[in-house]
Amino acid sequence: MIYSYCKRCKLESPGENCRQCGKHAAATAQRDVWSIASVPLADGRTWKSISIALCSVAALLAVAIFGLEAVVSPDKVARLWTSSLPRLIFLILPLGLMLSFLFLLMQGREVIVYVLDPQGAHLQTWHQPSRLKSWARLQSADPNANVPQQDGTVMHLSQERHLMWGDVQAVRYKPRSAAIYLYHTPHLAPMVLKLPPDEYETATRYVGKYCKNQ
C-alpha cells in the first residue's frame, strides 16, 4: 500500500494525498509498504535451494574422491564403484533433507515486511522471540533485536536486506506467482518481493519508475 509523507503537516498518510490538508505528495515522499506471513517449511523456493545445494555437495564429493582415486590408483576405480562408498556419499541427500526439515520446522512462522522507497527496496524478517527459532535460523538469540509492536506484542528482527535502485541490474516480473525478482547480479541471488495479489500492480508500477531500463 502506498504511504505518503506531508512535510507541511509532518504526517504520514495512506494513499498519495495527505489526510489532513489533502495535498498530493511528490513521488519522492511516497513509499510502498506491505507484509507477507510465511512458513519456511512450506516454501517451495527454500526446498529447491536446499535440494540444489545437497546435490551439488554430493556430486562434488563424488568427483573429488573418484577423481583422486583415478589419478592415484586407476586400476582400483572400478572396484571403488562397487563398494559401499557411492551409497554413503548419496546418503547426504536424504540425511540433509531430514535435517533441513527439522530446522525449518523449528523456525515456525515469520512475517516479512517489504518497503519500496525512492532509495531502493528493503526487506525485514520478523518472528516471535525464541532462542529455538533463532538457533534454527543459525542466528544468536540477541535480546536487543526484540522490538515492541503497536499491538503490545514483541517481535524479533532476524534479518534485514537493502538493495538500492542504482545497484539493480535486472528485474523479472512474475505475475502468476505475484512476485518481483530484483537482481544485484544478473541471474544470481535475487531479492524476491513476494506480494499479495492485490498489491502486485502497485508494486510493479513503483519498481518500474526506478528501474525503467531493466
Protein backbone atom coordinates (compact mmCIF):
# COMPACT_ATOMS: atom_id res chain seq x y z
CA MET A 1 0.00 0.00 0.00
CA ILE A 2 1.24 3.48 -0.85
CA TYR A 3 2.01 5.79 2.06
CA SER A 4 2.93 9.44 1.66
CA TYR A 5 4.60 11.95 3.97
CA CYS A 6 3.44 15.54 4.11
CA LYS A 7 6.22 17.96 5.10
CA ARG A 8 3.74 20.72 5.91
CA CYS A 9 1.69 18.61 8.33
CA LYS A 10 4.58 16.32 9.31
CA LEU A 11 2.21 13.41 8.94
CA GLU A 12 2.31 10.08 7.08
CA SER A 13 -0.94 9.09 5.43
CA PRO A 14 -2.19 6.07 3.50
CA GLY A 15 -2.58 6.96 -0.17
CA GLU A 16 -0.97 9.70 -2.23
CA ASN A 17 -2.74 12.63 -0.54
CA CYS A 18 -2.29 13.99 2.98
CA ARG A 19 -5.27 13.05 5.11
CA GLN A 20 -5.07 16.38 6.94
CA CYS A 21 -4.51 19.05 4.24
CA GLY A 22 -5.35 16.96 1.16
CA LYS A 23 -2.15 17.94 -0.67
CA HIS A 24 -0.85 15.42 -3.22
CA ALA A 25 2.56 14.10 -2.19
CA ALA A 26 5.53 14.21 -4.53
CA ALA A 27 6.90 10.88 -5.77
CA THR A 28 9.96 11.31 -3.54
CA ALA A 29 7.67 11.44 -0.49
CA GLN A 30 5.85 8.21 -1.30
CA ARG A 31 6.70 4.64 -0.36
CA ASP A 32 5.05 1.28 -0.93
CA VAL A 33 4.71 -0.95 2.15
CA TRP A 34 3.23 -4.44 2.58
CA SER A 35 3.81 -7.59 4.60
CA ILE A 36 3.58 -11.33 4.00
CA ALA A 37 3.13 -14.10 6.56
CA SER A 38 5.39 -17.02 5.65
CA VAL A 39 6.15 -20.53 6.88
CA PRO A 40 9.66 -21.52 5.69
CA LEU A 41 8.75 -25.21 5.92
CA ALA A 42 6.11 -24.71 3.22
CA ASP A 43 8.26 -22.51 0.94
CA GLY A 44 8.95 -24.38 -2.31
CA ARG A 45 11.77 -22.00 -3.26
CA THR A 46 13.57 -22.80 0.01
CA TRP A 47 13.31 -26.54 -0.65
CA LYS A 48 14.55 -26.06 -4.21
CA SER A 49 17.65 -24.21 -2.94
CA ILE A 50 18.31 -26.88 -0.31
CA SER A 51 17.97 -29.69 -2.85
CA ILE A 52 20.34 -28.00 -5.30
CA ALA A 53 22.90 -27.39 -2.55
CA LEU A 54 22.77 -31.02 -1.33
CA CYS A 55 23.04 -32.43 -4.86
CA SER A 56 26.00 -30.14 -5.56
CA VAL A 57 27.79 -31.24 -2.38
CA ALA A 58 27.21 -34.94 -3.15
CA ALA A 59 28.34 -34.53 -6.77
CA LEU A 60 31.47 -32.56 -5.86
CA LEU A 61 32.40 -35.09 -3.17
CA ALA A 62 31.97 -37.99 -5.59
CA VAL A 63 34.04 -36.25 -8.28
CA ALA A 64 36.78 -35.39 -5.78
CA ILE A 65 37.03 -38.92 -4.34
CA PHE A 66 36.81 -40.85 -7.60
CA GLY A 67 38.92 -38.31 -9.47
CA LEU A 68 41.68 -38.56 -6.90
CA GLU A 69 41.47 -42.36 -6.92
CA ALA A 70 41.68 -42.37 -10.73
CA VAL A 71 44.91 -40.39 -10.54
CA VAL A 72 46.49 -42.35 -7.70
CA SER A 73 45.26 -45.88 -8.45
CA PRO A 74 43.43 -46.10 -11.81
CA ASP A 75 43.01 -49.87 -11.51
CA LYS A 76 41.01 -49.53 -8.27
CA VAL A 77 38.36 -47.10 -9.55
CA ALA A 78 36.01 -49.84 -10.82
CA ARG A 79 36.32 -51.68 -7.51
CA LEU A 80 35.53 -48.45 -5.65
CA TRP A 81 32.31 -48.04 -7.64
CA THR A 82 31.08 -51.46 -6.49
CA SER A 83 31.86 -50.71 -2.83
CA SER A 84 29.52 -49.07 -0.32
CA LEU A 85 31.18 -45.67 -0.84
CA PRO A 86 28.77 -44.36 -3.55
CA ARG A 87 25.79 -45.20 -1.34
CA LEU A 88 27.40 -43.43 1.61
CA ILE A 89 28.05 -40.33 -0.48
CA PHE A 90 24.50 -40.11 -1.73
CA LEU A 91 23.14 -40.62 1.78
CA ILE A 92 23.95 -36.92 2.03
CA LEU A 93 20.68 -36.24 0.17
CA PRO A 94 18.12 -37.94 2.48
CA LEU A 95 20.05 -37.05 5.64
CA GLY A 96 20.41 -33.42 4.53
CA LEU A 97 16.72 -33.19 3.66
CA MET A 98 15.76 -34.70 7.02
CA LEU A 99 17.98 -32.26 8.92
CA SER A 100 16.65 -29.34 6.86
CA PHE A 101 13.07 -30.43 7.63
CA LEU A 102 13.81 -30.30 11.38
CA PHE A 103 15.45 -26.88 11.17
CA LEU A 104 12.62 -25.42 9.05
CA LEU A 105 10.03 -26.96 11.36
CA MET A 106 11.63 -25.26 14.37
CA GLN A 107 11.70 -21.91 12.57
CA GLY A 108 7.91 -21.76 12.62
CA ARG A 109 6.03 -18.78 11.23
CA GLU A 110 7.57 -15.46 10.24
CA VAL A 111 6.38 -12.12 8.91
CA ILE A 112 8.26 -10.42 6.08
CA VAL A 113 7.84 -6.65 5.75
CA TYR A 114 8.72 -5.05 2.40
CA VAL A 115 9.29 -1.36 1.80
CA LEU A 116 9.92 0.35 -1.55
CA ASP A 117 11.07 3.95 -1.25
CA PRO A 118 12.93 6.39 -3.51
CA GLN A 119 16.27 4.92 -2.38
CA GLY A 120 15.59 1.24 -3.02
CA ALA A 121 13.91 -1.97 -1.85
CA HIS A 122 14.09 -3.03 1.78
CA LEU A 123 13.15 -6.30 3.48
CA GLN A 124 12.78 -7.20 7.15
CA THR A 125 12.04 -10.66 8.54
CA TRP A 126 10.36 -10.91 11.95
CA HIS A 127 9.42 -13.85 14.17
CA GLN A 128 8.30 -14.37 17.75
CA PRO A 129 11.15 -14.06 20.27
CA SER A 130 12.51 -17.55 20.88
CA ARG A 131 16.00 -18.92 21.32
CA LEU A 132 14.98 -22.06 19.45
CA LYS A 133 13.63 -20.10 16.47
CA SER A 134 16.81 -18.01 16.31
CA TRP A 135 19.11 -21.03 16.62
CA ALA A 136 17.11 -22.84 13.91
CA ARG A 137 17.98 -19.90 11.64
CA LEU A 138 21.65 -20.27 12.66
CA GLN A 139 21.48 -16.92 14.48
CA SER A 140 22.22 -15.84 18.02
CA ALA A 141 19.21 -15.00 20.19
CA ASP A 142 20.05 -11.30 20.59
CA PRO A 143 17.56 -9.70 23.02
CA ASN A 144 18.38 -6.27 21.55
CA ALA A 145 16.59 -7.36 18.36
CA ASN A 146 13.28 -7.81 20.24
CA VAL A 147 11.05 -4.88 19.27
CA PRO A 148 7.69 -3.97 20.92
CA GLN A 149 4.87 -3.66 18.38
CA GLN A 150 1.91 -1.28 18.32
CA ASP A 151 -0.49 -4.05 19.36
CA GLY A 152 1.51 -4.75 22.52
CA THR A 153 3.28 -7.88 21.27
CA VAL A 154 7.04 -8.28 20.87
CA MET A 155 8.69 -9.45 17.64
CA HIS A 156 12.29 -10.40 16.93
CA LEU A 157 14.06 -8.87 13.90
CA SER A 158 16.03 -11.74 12.41
CA GLN A 159 17.05 -10.33 9.02
CA GLU A 160 17.35 -7.10 7.07
CA ARG A 161 18.21 -6.67 3.39
CA HIS A 162 18.58 -3.49 1.38
CA LEU A 163 19.00 -3.12 -2.38
CA MET A 164 19.47 0.37 -3.81
CA TRP A 165 17.84 1.09 -7.18
CA GLY A 166 21.19 2.04 -8.67
CA ASP A 167 22.50 -1.44 -7.90
CA VAL A 168 19.63 -3.29 -9.60
CA GLN A 169 21.00 -4.97 -12.74
CA ALA A 170 17.85 -6.81 -13.84
CA VAL A 171 14.16 -7.13 -12.93
CA ARG A 172 11.90 -10.11 -13.55
CA TYR A 173 8.15 -9.79 -13.08
CA LYS A 174 6.27 -12.96 -12.10
CA PRO A 175 2.56 -12.05 -12.16
CA ARG A 176 1.40 -15.68 -11.88
CA SER A 177 3.18 -16.12 -8.56
CA ALA A 178 2.72 -12.45 -7.54
CA ALA A 179 6.46 -11.89 -7.15
CA ILE A 180 9.10 -9.47 -8.44
CA TYR A 181 12.76 -10.54 -8.67
CA LEU A 182 15.38 -7.80 -8.28
CA TYR A 183 18.88 -8.86 -9.31
CA HIS A 184 22.04 -7.21 -7.99
CA THR A 185 23.99 -9.67 -10.16
CA PRO A 186 22.12 -10.83 -13.30
CA HIS A 187 20.56 -14.29 -12.88
CA LEU A 188 22.04 -14.83 -9.38
CA ALA A 189 20.70 -14.42 -5.82
CA PRO A 190 17.80 -12.02 -6.43
CA MET A 191 15.89 -10.17 -3.76
CA VAL A 192 12.42 -11.67 -4.13
CA LEU A 193 9.48 -9.38 -3.44
CA LYS A 194 6.51 -11.60 -2.59
CA LEU A 195 3.20 -9.79 -2.79
CA PRO A 196 -0.48 -10.26 -2.01
CA PRO A 197 -2.22 -10.41 -5.41
CA ASP A 198 -4.00 -7.08 -4.83
CA GLU A 199 -0.67 -5.32 -4.17
CA TYR A 200 1.14 -6.64 -7.24
CA GLU A 201 0.11 -3.94 -9.72
CA THR A 202 1.01 -1.11 -7.31
CA ALA A 203 4.46 -2.58 -6.60
CA THR A 204 5.07 -3.17 -10.32
CA ARG A 205 4.39 0.49 -11.08
CA TYR A 206 6.63 1.62 -8.24
CA VAL A 207 9.55 -0.61 -9.29
CA GLY A 208 9.05 0.47 -12.91
CA LYS A 209 9.57 4.14 -12.01
CA TYR A 210 13.08 3.44 -10.73
CA CYS A 211 14.09 0.53 -12.98
CA LYS A 212 12.86 1.79 -16.35
CA ASN A 213 15.71 0.29 -18.35
CA GLN A 214 15.76 -3.13 -16.69
